[in-house]
Amino acid sequence: MSKEVINSLREIKISLITASDKIEDLIELVRSNKYSINILEDIEKKFTKHIKEEKTSNKLLTVKEVAKLMHIDSAKVYRLVKGGYIKSLKMGKRGLRIPESEYDIFIKENLGSDISKMFD
């Protein structure tokens, strides 16, 4: 079996932490020759596409855009930034910009939590 295929699957495993168990199973299947390379290449392409999509979400959001996404006012977004809950970039006269990835991290880390205390 090709070492490239095994190495590629290992790289995918690192990039997709949530799918790590499935990737390890695939590596074992490759080693035991139970599945054809074509099927594994198709799976690899799908995972690679997913990884690329995640990496390209470097869009910078304005405070107003984040406020609209969260259904809160801009002042509360500024409090989240000032409190260190959301990382941002200072853009001089253009104000603050919040990387979409940082917004996503904040949402994932606080999902199901009461964030109202962060506004105090």
C-alpha atoms as a PDB file:
ATOM      1  CA  MET A   1       0.000   0.000   0.000  1.00  0.00           C
ATOM      2  CA  SER A   2       1.189   3.492  -0.817  1.00  0.00           C
ATOM      3  CA  LYS A   3       2.847   5.375   2.021  1.00  0.00           C
ATOM      4  CA  GLU A   4       1.539   8.604   0.448  1.00  0.00           C
ATOM      5  CA  VAL A   5      -2.041   7.499   1.007  1.00  0.00           C
ATOM      6  CA  ILE A   6      -1.315   6.581   4.617  1.00  0.00           C
ATOM      7  CA  ASN A   7       0.543   9.873   5.213  1.00  0.00           C
ATOM      8  CA  SER A   8      -2.262  11.869   3.593  1.00  0.00           C
ATOM      9  CA  LEU A   9      -4.798  10.188   5.810  1.00  0.00           C
ATOM     10  CA  ARG A  10      -2.668  11.001   8.848  1.00  0.00           C
ATOM     11  CA  GLU A  11      -2.562  14.688   7.817  1.00  0.00           C
ATOM     12  CA  ILE A  12      -6.310  14.706   7.429  1.00  0.00           C
ATOM     13  CA  LYS A  13      -6.604  13.187  10.881  1.00  0.00           C
ATOM     14  CA  ILE A  14      -4.637  16.050  12.374  1.00  0.00           C
ATOM     15  CA  SER A  15      -6.766  18.645  10.581  1.00  0.00           C
ATOM     16  CA  LEU A  16     -10.114  17.112  11.482  1.00  0.00           C
ATOM     17  CA  ILE A  17      -9.939  16.408  15.173  1.00  0.00           C
ATOM     18  CA  THR A  18     -13.628  15.566  15.392  1.00  0.00           C
ATOM     19  CA  ALA A  19     -13.223  12.838  12.777  1.00  0.00           C
ATOM     20  CA  SER A  20     -10.047  11.361  14.235  1.00  0.00           C
ATOM     21  CA  ASP A  21     -11.559   7.999  15.135  1.00  0.00           C
ATOM     22  CA  LYS A  22     -12.890   7.488  11.621  1.00  0.00           C
ATOM     23  CA  ILE A  23      -9.565   8.473  10.041  1.00  0.00           C
ATOM     24  CA  GLU A  24      -7.694   5.990  12.235  1.00  0.00           C
ATOM     25  CA  ASP A  25     -10.120   3.282  11.115  1.00  0.00           C
ATOM     26  CA  LEU A  26      -9.449   4.221   7.492  1.00  0.00           C
ATOM     27  CA  ILE A  27      -5.694   4.006   8.008  1.00  0.00           C
ATOM     28  CA  GLU A  28      -6.131   0.524   9.444  1.00  0.00           C
ATOM     29  CA  LEU A  29      -8.346  -0.472   6.520  1.00  0.00           C
ATOM     30  CA  VAL A  30      -5.677   0.737   4.091  1.00  0.00           C
ATOM     31  CA  ARG A  31      -3.060  -1.319   5.893  1.00  0.00           C
ATOM     32  CA  SER A  32      -5.267  -4.415   5.798  1.00  0.00           C
ATOM     33  CA  ASN A  33      -6.157  -3.857   2.118  1.00  0.00           C
ATOM     34  CA  LYS A  34      -9.880  -4.235   2.754  1.00  0.00           C
ATOM     35  CA  TYR A  35     -10.868  -1.225   0.664  1.00  0.00           C
ATOM     36  CA  SER A  36      -9.646  -0.017  -2.688  1.00  0.00           C
ATOM     37  CA  ILE A  37      -7.476   3.061  -3.031  1.00  0.00           C
ATOM     38  CA  ASN A  38     -10.164   4.740  -5.153  1.00  0.00           C
ATOM     39  CA  ILE A  39     -12.654   4.762  -2.301  1.00  0.00           C
ATOM     40  CA  LEU A  40     -10.047   6.152   0.087  1.00  0.00           C
ATOM     41  CA  GLU A  41      -8.999   8.812  -2.432  1.00  0.00           C
ATOM     42  CA  ASP A  42     -12.634   9.924  -2.729  1.00  0.00           C
ATOM     43  CA  ILE A  43     -12.893  10.182   1.050  1.00  0.00           C
ATOM     44  CA  GLU A  44      -9.608  12.090   1.200  1.00  0.00           C
ATOM     45  CA  LYS A  45     -10.852  14.601  -1.415  1.00  0.00           C
ATOM     46  CA  LYS A  46     -14.006  15.261   0.596  1.00  0.00           C
ATOM     47  CA  PHE A  47     -12.067  15.809   3.824  1.00  0.00           C
ATOM     48  CA  THR A  48      -9.490  17.988   2.034  1.00  0.00           C
ATOM     49  CA  LYS A  49     -12.262  20.148   0.586  1.00  0.00           C
ATOM     50  CA  HIS A  50     -13.724  20.551   4.070  1.00  0.00           C
ATOM     51  CA  ILE A  51     -10.324  21.565   5.466  1.00  0.00           C
ATOM     52  CA  LYS A  52      -9.812  24.163   2.723  1.00  0.00           C
ATOM     53  CA  GLU A  53     -13.243  25.636   3.399  1.00  0.00           C
ATOM     54  CA  GLU A  54     -12.416  25.982   7.090  1.00  0.00           C
ATOM     55  CA  LYS A  55      -9.069  27.629   6.380  1.00  0.00           C
ATOM     56  CA  THR A  56     -10.572  30.208   4.023  1.00  0.00           C
ATOM     57  CA  SER A  57     -12.928  31.683   6.631  1.00  0.00           C
ATOM     58  CA  ASN A  58     -10.553  34.562   7.433  1.00  0.00           C
ATOM     59  CA  LYS A  59     -13.188  37.183   6.686  1.00  0.00           C
ATOM     60  CA  LEU A  60     -13.057  40.224   8.929  1.00  0.00           C
ATOM     61  CA  LEU A  61     -16.393  41.248  10.413  1.00  0.00           C
ATOM     62  CA  THR A  62     -17.320  44.703  11.649  1.00  0.00           C
ATOM     63  CA  VAL A  63     -18.691  45.186  15.143  1.00  0.00           C
ATOM     64  CA  LYS A  64     -22.047  45.972  13.565  1.00  0.00           C
ATOM     65  CA  GLU A  65     -22.012  42.683  11.604  1.00  0.00           C
ATOM     66  CA  VAL A  66     -21.200  40.672  14.730  1.00  0.00           C
ATOM     67  CA  ALA A  67     -23.923  42.495  16.640  1.00  0.00           C
ATOM     68  CA  LYS A  68     -26.406  41.633  13.912  1.00  0.00           C
ATOM     69  CA  LEU A  69     -25.328  37.959  13.919  1.00  0.00           C
ATOM     70  CA  MET A  70     -25.740  37.771  17.688  1.00  0.00           C
ATOM     71  CA  HIS A  71     -28.944  39.870  17.801  1.00  0.00           C
ATOM     72  CA  ILE A  72     -27.403  42.287  20.292  1.00  0.00           C
ATOM     73  CA  ASP A  73     -26.364  45.929  20.111  1.00  0.00           C
ATOM     74  CA  SER A  74     -22.871  47.071  19.121  1.00  0.00           C
ATOM     75  CA  ALA A  75     -22.053  48.275  22.641  1.00  0.00           C
ATOM     76  CA  LYS A  76     -22.325  44.699  23.913  1.00  0.00           C
ATOM     77  CA  VAL A  77     -19.948  43.482  21.211  1.00  0.00           C
ATOM     78  CA  TYR A  78     -17.446  46.136  22.290  1.00  0.00           C
ATOM     79  CA  ARG A  79     -17.808  44.865  25.897  1.00  0.00           C
ATOM     80  CA  LEU A  80     -17.091  41.300  24.747  1.00  0.00           C
ATOM     81  CA  VAL A  81     -13.965  42.522  22.966  1.00  0.00           C
ATOM     82  CA  LYS A  82     -12.850  44.709  25.888  1.00  0.00           C
ATOM     83  CA  GLY A  83     -13.430  41.816  28.292  1.00  0.00           C
ATOM     84  CA  GLY A  84     -11.214  39.566  26.170  1.00  0.00           C
ATOM     85  CA  TYR A  85     -14.024  37.183  25.246  1.00  0.00           C
ATOM     86  CA  ILE A  86     -13.666  37.860  21.517  1.00  0.00           C
ATOM     87  CA  LYS A  87     -10.331  38.682  19.889  1.00  0.00           C
ATOM     88  CA  SER A  88     -10.273  41.591  17.459  1.00  0.00           C
ATOM     89  CA  LEU A  89      -8.033  43.729  15.287  1.00  0.00           C
ATOM     90  CA  LYS A  90      -7.726  47.484  15.625  1.00  0.00           C
ATOM     91  CA  MET A  91      -7.913  48.984  12.135  1.00  0.00           C
ATOM     92  CA  GLY A  92      -7.120  52.610  12.944  1.00  0.00           C
ATOM     93  CA  LYS A  93      -9.883  54.979  11.821  1.00  0.00           C
ATOM     94  CA  ARG A  94     -11.812  52.049  10.394  1.00  0.00           C
ATOM     95  CA  GLY A  95     -12.447  50.744  13.907  1.00  0.00           C
ATOM     96  CA  LEU A  96     -12.367  47.167  15.113  1.00  0.00           C
ATOM     97  CA  ARG A  97     -12.592  44.076  12.966  1.00  0.00           C
ATOM     98  CA  ILE A  98     -13.357  40.644  14.308  1.00  0.00           C
ATOM     99  CA  PRO A  99     -12.070  37.639  12.367  1.00  0.00           C
ATOM    100  CA  GLU A 100     -14.964  35.347  11.518  1.00  0.00           C
ATOM    101  CA  SER A 101     -12.957  32.461  12.954  1.00  0.00           C
ATOM    102  CA  GLU A 102     -12.765  34.252  16.342  1.00  0.00           C
ATOM    103  CA  TYR A 103     -16.521  34.834  16.285  1.00  0.00           C
ATOM    104  CA  ASP A 104     -17.019  31.114  15.507  1.00  0.00           C
ATOM    105  CA  ILE A 105     -14.713  30.120  18.383  1.00  0.00           C
ATOM    106  CA  PHE A 106     -16.635  32.361  20.798  1.00  0.00           C
ATOM    107  CA  ILE A 107     -19.953  30.845  19.748  1.00  0.00           C
ATOM    108  CA  LYS A 108     -18.676  27.250  19.980  1.00  0.00           C
ATOM    109  CA  GLU A 109     -17.072  27.789  23.399  1.00  0.00           C
ATOM    110  CA  ASN A 110     -20.167  29.462  24.848  1.00  0.00           C
ATOM    111  CA  LEU A 111     -22.918  27.444  23.224  1.00  0.00           C
ATOM    112  CA  GLY A 112     -25.558  26.680  25.838  1.00  0.00           C
ATOM    113  CA  SER A 113     -24.087  29.179  28.298  1.00  0.00           C
ATOM    114  CA  ASP A 114     -25.601  32.348  29.712  1.00  0.00           C
ATOM    115  CA  ILE A 115     -23.324  35.065  28.352  1.00  0.00           C
ATOM    116  CA  SER A 116     -25.262  37.972  29.890  1.00  0.00           C
ATOM    117  CA  LYS A 117     -22.697  38.215  32.723  1.00  0.00           C
ATOM    118  CA  MET A 118     -20.036  39.054  30.138  1.00  0.00           C
ATOM    119  CA  PHE A 119     -21.778  42.359  29.400  1.00  0.00           C
ATOM    120  CA  ASP A 120     -21.421  43.711  32.971  1.00  0.00           C
END
